[in-house]
Amino acid sequence: MSINNITGLSGPTQRSNDVGAGRGSRSADAGKGATPTPAADSVTLSEGSARLREMTEQLAGMPAVDSARVEQLRQAIADGSYQPDSERIADKMLSMEAQLFS
């Protein structure tokens, strides 16, 4: 099966791992003792992907929860001194939404 005129591709492309490619020559070469050489595959990661991997590794080394901060907030809630700033919370939520959907 052949697919032509795909947007973004210039010129013909070749699949190195095409199962049907060279079928006739394989059976002829099999009797001659030739060993088929596997095609070399390669992957190139984008800069963004490399940065994401780096950030993931950094986060893996950090604790999942800041226990000291959790205890501080628990104590403030328990003694009634916790006063959340609703305007700051709303600003942070809008900022996060803008980052996610822009």
N, C-alpha and C. Protein backbone atom coordinates (compact mmCIF):
# COMPACT_ATOMS: atom_id res chain seq x y z
N MET A 1 0.85 -1.17 0.00
CA MET A 1 0.00 0.00 0.00
C MET A 1 0.89 1.22 0.00
N SER A 2 0.56 2.20 -0.79
CA SER A 2 1.35 3.41 -0.91
C SER A 2 0.49 4.62 -0.58
N ILE A 3 1.04 5.53 0.22
CA ILE A 3 0.33 6.76 0.56
C ILE A 3 1.17 7.90 0.00
N ASN A 4 0.56 8.72 -0.81
CA ASN A 4 1.27 9.83 -1.44
C ASN A 4 0.65 11.16 -1.05
N ASN A 5 1.39 12.22 -1.26
CA ASN A 5 0.93 13.60 -1.07
C ASN A 5 0.46 13.88 0.36
N ILE A 6 1.27 13.51 1.33
CA ILE A 6 0.96 13.81 2.73
C ILE A 6 1.52 15.20 3.02
N THR A 7 0.71 16.05 3.62
CA THR A 7 1.14 17.40 3.94
C THR A 7 2.31 17.36 4.90
N GLY A 8 3.34 18.16 4.63
CA GLY A 8 4.49 18.24 5.52
C GLY A 8 5.64 17.36 5.10
N LEU A 9 5.46 16.45 4.15
CA LEU A 9 6.53 15.59 3.69
C LEU A 9 7.00 16.07 2.33
N SER A 10 8.29 16.08 2.13
CA SER A 10 8.80 16.48 0.83
C SER A 10 9.50 15.28 0.20
N GLY A 11 9.03 14.88 -0.93
CA GLY A 11 9.64 13.77 -1.65
C GLY A 11 9.22 12.43 -1.09
N PRO A 12 9.70 11.37 -1.72
CA PRO A 12 9.32 10.02 -1.27
C PRO A 12 9.98 9.68 0.06
N THR A 13 9.29 8.87 0.83
CA THR A 13 9.85 8.40 2.09
C THR A 13 10.01 6.90 2.03
N GLN A 14 10.92 6.38 2.84
CA GLN A 14 11.17 4.95 2.83
C GLN A 14 11.05 4.42 4.23
N ARG A 15 10.37 3.31 4.37
CA ARG A 15 10.25 2.64 5.67
C ARG A 15 11.31 1.57 5.75
N SER A 16 12.20 1.70 6.74
CA SER A 16 13.27 0.73 6.86
C SER A 16 12.82 -0.58 7.49
N ASN A 17 11.68 -0.57 8.18
CA ASN A 17 11.21 -1.79 8.82
C ASN A 17 9.98 -2.35 8.14
N ASP A 18 9.82 -2.11 6.84
CA ASP A 18 8.68 -2.59 6.07
C ASP A 18 8.76 -4.11 5.93
N VAL A 19 7.76 -4.81 6.40
CA VAL A 19 7.75 -6.27 6.39
C VAL A 19 7.75 -6.81 4.97
N GLY A 20 7.06 -6.14 4.07
CA GLY A 20 6.94 -6.63 2.71
C GLY A 20 8.12 -6.29 1.83
N ALA A 21 9.01 -5.43 2.25
CA ALA A 21 10.11 -5.00 1.41
C ALA A 21 11.11 -6.12 1.21
N GLY A 22 11.48 -6.37 -0.03
CA GLY A 22 12.53 -7.35 -0.34
C GLY A 22 12.13 -8.78 -0.10
N ARG A 23 10.88 -9.13 -0.16
CA ARG A 23 10.45 -10.50 0.11
C ARG A 23 11.07 -11.49 -0.85
N GLY A 24 11.11 -11.14 -2.10
CA GLY A 24 11.65 -12.06 -3.09
C GLY A 24 13.13 -12.32 -2.88
N SER A 25 13.88 -11.33 -2.51
CA SER A 25 15.32 -11.51 -2.34
C SER A 25 15.65 -12.28 -1.07
N ARG A 26 14.81 -12.22 -0.05
CA ARG A 26 15.08 -12.95 1.18
C ARG A 26 15.07 -14.46 0.94
N SER A 27 14.06 -14.93 0.22
CA SER A 27 13.97 -16.37 0.01
C SER A 27 15.11 -16.84 -0.88
N ALA A 28 15.54 -16.01 -1.81
CA ALA A 28 16.66 -16.39 -2.67
C ALA A 28 17.97 -16.38 -1.88
N ASP A 29 18.12 -15.40 -0.97
CA ASP A 29 19.35 -15.32 -0.19
C ASP A 29 19.41 -16.38 0.90
N ALA A 30 18.28 -16.89 1.35
CA ALA A 30 18.26 -17.86 2.44
C ALA A 30 19.01 -19.12 2.06
N GLY A 31 18.93 -19.52 0.82
CA GLY A 31 19.63 -20.71 0.37
C GLY A 31 21.13 -20.50 0.24
N LYS A 32 21.59 -19.28 0.14
CA LYS A 32 23.00 -18.96 -0.04
C LYS A 32 23.72 -18.76 1.28
N GLY A 33 23.00 -18.86 2.40
CA GLY A 33 23.64 -18.70 3.71
C GLY A 33 23.80 -17.25 4.13
N ALA A 34 23.17 -16.34 3.44
CA ALA A 34 23.26 -14.93 3.80
C ALA A 34 22.43 -14.66 5.04
N THR A 35 22.93 -13.83 5.92
CA THR A 35 22.22 -13.46 7.13
C THR A 35 21.65 -12.06 6.94
N PRO A 36 20.33 -11.90 7.08
CA PRO A 36 19.76 -10.56 6.92
C PRO A 36 20.23 -9.64 8.03
N THR A 37 20.55 -8.42 7.68
CA THR A 37 21.00 -7.42 8.64
C THR A 37 19.80 -6.61 9.08
N PRO A 38 19.53 -6.54 10.40
CA PRO A 38 18.39 -5.76 10.86
C PRO A 38 18.63 -4.27 10.62
N ALA A 39 17.56 -3.57 10.28
CA ALA A 39 17.66 -2.13 10.07
C ALA A 39 17.89 -1.43 11.40
N ALA A 40 18.71 -0.40 11.39
CA ALA A 40 18.99 0.35 12.61
C ALA A 40 17.91 1.40 12.81
N ASP A 41 17.30 1.40 13.98
CA ASP A 41 16.29 2.39 14.31
C ASP A 41 16.93 3.45 15.18
N SER A 42 16.50 4.68 15.03
CA SER A 42 17.00 5.74 15.88
C SER A 42 15.87 6.68 16.24
N VAL A 43 16.00 7.29 17.42
CA VAL A 43 15.00 8.22 17.91
C VAL A 43 15.71 9.48 18.35
N THR A 44 15.18 10.63 17.95
CA THR A 44 15.73 11.90 18.39
C THR A 44 14.64 12.62 19.18
N LEU A 45 14.97 12.96 20.42
CA LEU A 45 14.00 13.64 21.27
C LEU A 45 14.11 15.14 21.10
N SER A 46 12.99 15.81 21.19
CA SER A 46 12.99 17.27 21.08
C SER A 46 13.58 17.87 22.34
N GLU A 47 13.89 19.15 22.27
CA GLU A 47 14.43 19.85 23.43
C GLU A 47 13.42 19.85 24.58
N GLY A 48 12.14 20.00 24.24
CA GLY A 48 11.10 19.98 25.26
C GLY A 48 11.00 18.63 25.95
N SER A 49 11.15 17.57 25.19
CA SER A 49 11.10 16.22 25.75
C SER A 49 12.29 15.99 26.68
N ALA A 50 13.45 16.45 26.27
CA ALA A 50 14.65 16.29 27.11
C ALA A 50 14.49 17.09 28.40
N ARG A 51 13.91 18.27 28.32
CA ARG A 51 13.68 19.10 29.51
C ARG A 51 12.67 18.44 30.44
N LEU A 52 11.63 17.85 29.86
CA LEU A 52 10.63 17.15 30.66
C LEU A 52 11.26 15.98 31.41
N ARG A 53 12.12 15.23 30.74
CA ARG A 53 12.79 14.11 31.40
C ARG A 53 13.67 14.61 32.54
N GLU A 54 14.36 15.72 32.32
CA GLU A 54 15.21 16.30 33.36
C GLU A 54 14.39 16.73 34.57
N MET A 55 13.25 17.37 34.31
CA MET A 55 12.38 17.81 35.40
C MET A 55 11.80 16.62 36.16
N THR A 56 11.45 15.56 35.44
CA THR A 56 10.92 14.36 36.08
C THR A 56 11.95 13.75 37.01
N GLU A 57 13.20 13.73 36.58
CA GLU A 57 14.27 13.19 37.43
C GLU A 57 14.47 14.05 38.67
N GLN A 58 14.37 15.39 38.52
CA GLN A 58 14.51 16.27 39.67
C GLN A 58 13.37 16.06 40.66
N LEU A 59 12.15 15.92 40.14
CA LEU A 59 11.00 15.73 41.02
C LEU A 59 11.04 14.38 41.73
N ALA A 60 11.61 13.39 41.09
CA ALA A 60 11.70 12.07 41.70
C ALA A 60 12.53 12.10 42.98
N GLY A 61 13.49 13.02 43.05
CA GLY A 61 14.34 13.13 44.22
C GLY A 61 13.75 13.96 45.34
N MET A 62 12.63 14.60 45.09
CA MET A 62 12.01 15.45 46.10
C MET A 62 10.93 14.68 46.85
N PRO A 63 10.70 15.02 48.12
CA PRO A 63 9.62 14.35 48.85
C PRO A 63 8.27 14.76 48.26
N ALA A 64 7.32 13.85 48.29
CA ALA A 64 6.00 14.09 47.72
C ALA A 64 5.22 15.13 48.53
N VAL A 65 5.47 15.20 49.83
CA VAL A 65 4.73 16.10 50.71
C VAL A 65 5.71 16.81 51.63
N ASP A 66 5.50 18.11 51.80
CA ASP A 66 6.29 18.90 52.75
C ASP A 66 5.64 18.73 54.12
N SER A 67 6.12 17.76 54.85
CA SER A 67 5.49 17.40 56.14
C SER A 67 5.48 18.55 57.12
N ALA A 68 6.53 19.34 57.14
CA ALA A 68 6.59 20.47 58.07
C ALA A 68 5.51 21.49 57.75
N ARG A 69 5.31 21.77 56.45
CA ARG A 69 4.28 22.74 56.04
C ARG A 69 2.89 22.20 56.35
N VAL A 70 2.67 20.92 56.12
CA VAL A 70 1.37 20.31 56.43
C VAL A 70 1.07 20.44 57.91
N GLU A 71 2.04 20.17 58.74
CA GLU A 71 1.84 20.26 60.18
C GLU A 71 1.57 21.70 60.61
N GLN A 72 2.28 22.64 59.98
CA GLN A 72 2.07 24.06 60.29
C GLN A 72 0.64 24.49 59.94
N LEU A 73 0.16 24.07 58.79
CA LEU A 73 -1.21 24.40 58.39
C LEU A 73 -2.24 23.71 59.27
N ARG A 74 -1.98 22.48 59.64
CA ARG A 74 -2.89 21.74 60.53
C ARG A 74 -3.06 22.48 61.86
N GLN A 75 -1.93 22.93 62.38
CA GLN A 75 -1.95 23.64 63.67
C GLN A 75 -2.71 24.96 63.55
N ALA A 76 -2.48 25.69 62.43
CA ALA A 76 -3.15 26.97 62.23
C ALA A 76 -4.66 26.78 62.09
N ILE A 77 -5.07 25.74 61.41
CA ILE A 77 -6.51 25.45 61.27
C ILE A 77 -7.09 25.07 62.63
N ALA A 78 -6.37 24.25 63.37
CA ALA A 78 -6.86 23.79 64.67
C ALA A 78 -7.04 24.94 65.66
N ASP A 79 -6.11 25.90 65.66
CA ASP A 79 -6.23 27.00 66.64
C ASP A 79 -6.97 28.21 66.07
N GLY A 80 -7.48 28.11 64.83
CA GLY A 80 -8.30 29.18 64.26
C GLY A 80 -7.53 30.35 63.68
N SER A 81 -6.22 30.23 63.57
CA SER A 81 -5.43 31.35 63.05
C SER A 81 -5.22 31.30 61.54
N TYR A 82 -5.70 30.27 60.89
CA TYR A 82 -5.52 30.16 59.44
C TYR A 82 -6.52 31.06 58.74
N GLN A 83 -6.03 32.03 57.99
CA GLN A 83 -6.86 32.98 57.26
C GLN A 83 -6.44 32.97 55.79
N PRO A 84 -7.07 32.13 54.97
CA PRO A 84 -6.69 32.08 53.56
C PRO A 84 -7.03 33.39 52.85
N ASP A 85 -6.17 33.82 51.94
CA ASP A 85 -6.37 35.03 51.15
C ASP A 85 -7.10 34.64 49.87
N SER A 86 -8.42 34.85 49.86
CA SER A 86 -9.22 34.39 48.72
C SER A 86 -8.83 35.08 47.41
N GLU A 87 -8.41 36.33 47.48
CA GLU A 87 -7.99 37.03 46.26
C GLU A 87 -6.72 36.41 45.69
N ARG A 88 -5.80 36.07 46.55
CA ARG A 88 -4.54 35.44 46.11
C ARG A 88 -4.82 34.05 45.52
N ILE A 89 -5.70 33.31 46.15
CA ILE A 89 -6.06 31.98 45.65
C ILE A 89 -6.70 32.09 44.28
N ALA A 90 -7.61 33.05 44.10
CA ALA A 90 -8.27 33.24 42.80
C ALA A 90 -7.25 33.63 41.73
N ASP A 91 -6.32 34.53 42.07
CA ASP A 91 -5.28 34.94 41.11
C ASP A 91 -4.43 33.75 40.69
N LYS A 92 -4.05 32.92 41.65
CA LYS A 92 -3.22 31.74 41.35
C LYS A 92 -3.99 30.76 40.47
N MET A 93 -5.28 30.57 40.73
CA MET A 93 -6.09 29.66 39.92
C MET A 93 -6.20 30.17 38.48
N LEU A 94 -6.42 31.47 38.32
CA LEU A 94 -6.50 32.05 36.97
C LEU A 94 -5.17 31.95 36.25
N SER A 95 -4.10 32.16 36.97
CA SER A 95 -2.76 32.06 36.38
C SER A 95 -2.48 30.63 35.92
N MET A 96 -2.85 29.66 36.74
CA MET A 96 -2.65 28.27 36.38
C MET A 96 -3.49 27.90 35.16
N GLU A 97 -4.72 28.35 35.12
CA GLU A 97 -5.59 28.07 33.98
C GLU A 97 -5.03 28.69 32.70
N ALA A 98 -4.51 29.90 32.81
CA ALA A 98 -3.92 30.56 31.63
C ALA A 98 -2.71 29.78 31.12
N GLN A 99 -1.90 29.24 32.03
CA GLN A 99 -0.74 28.45 31.63
C GLN A 99 -1.17 27.14 30.97
N LEU A 100 -2.20 26.51 31.49
CA LEU A 100 -2.63 25.23 30.96
C LEU A 100 -3.29 25.34 29.60
N PHE A 101 -4.05 26.39 29.37
CA PHE A 101 -4.85 26.49 28.15
C PHE A 101 -4.36 27.53 27.16
N SER A 102 -3.15 28.01 27.32
CA SER A 102 -2.64 28.97 26.33
C SER A 102 -1.71 28.32 25.34
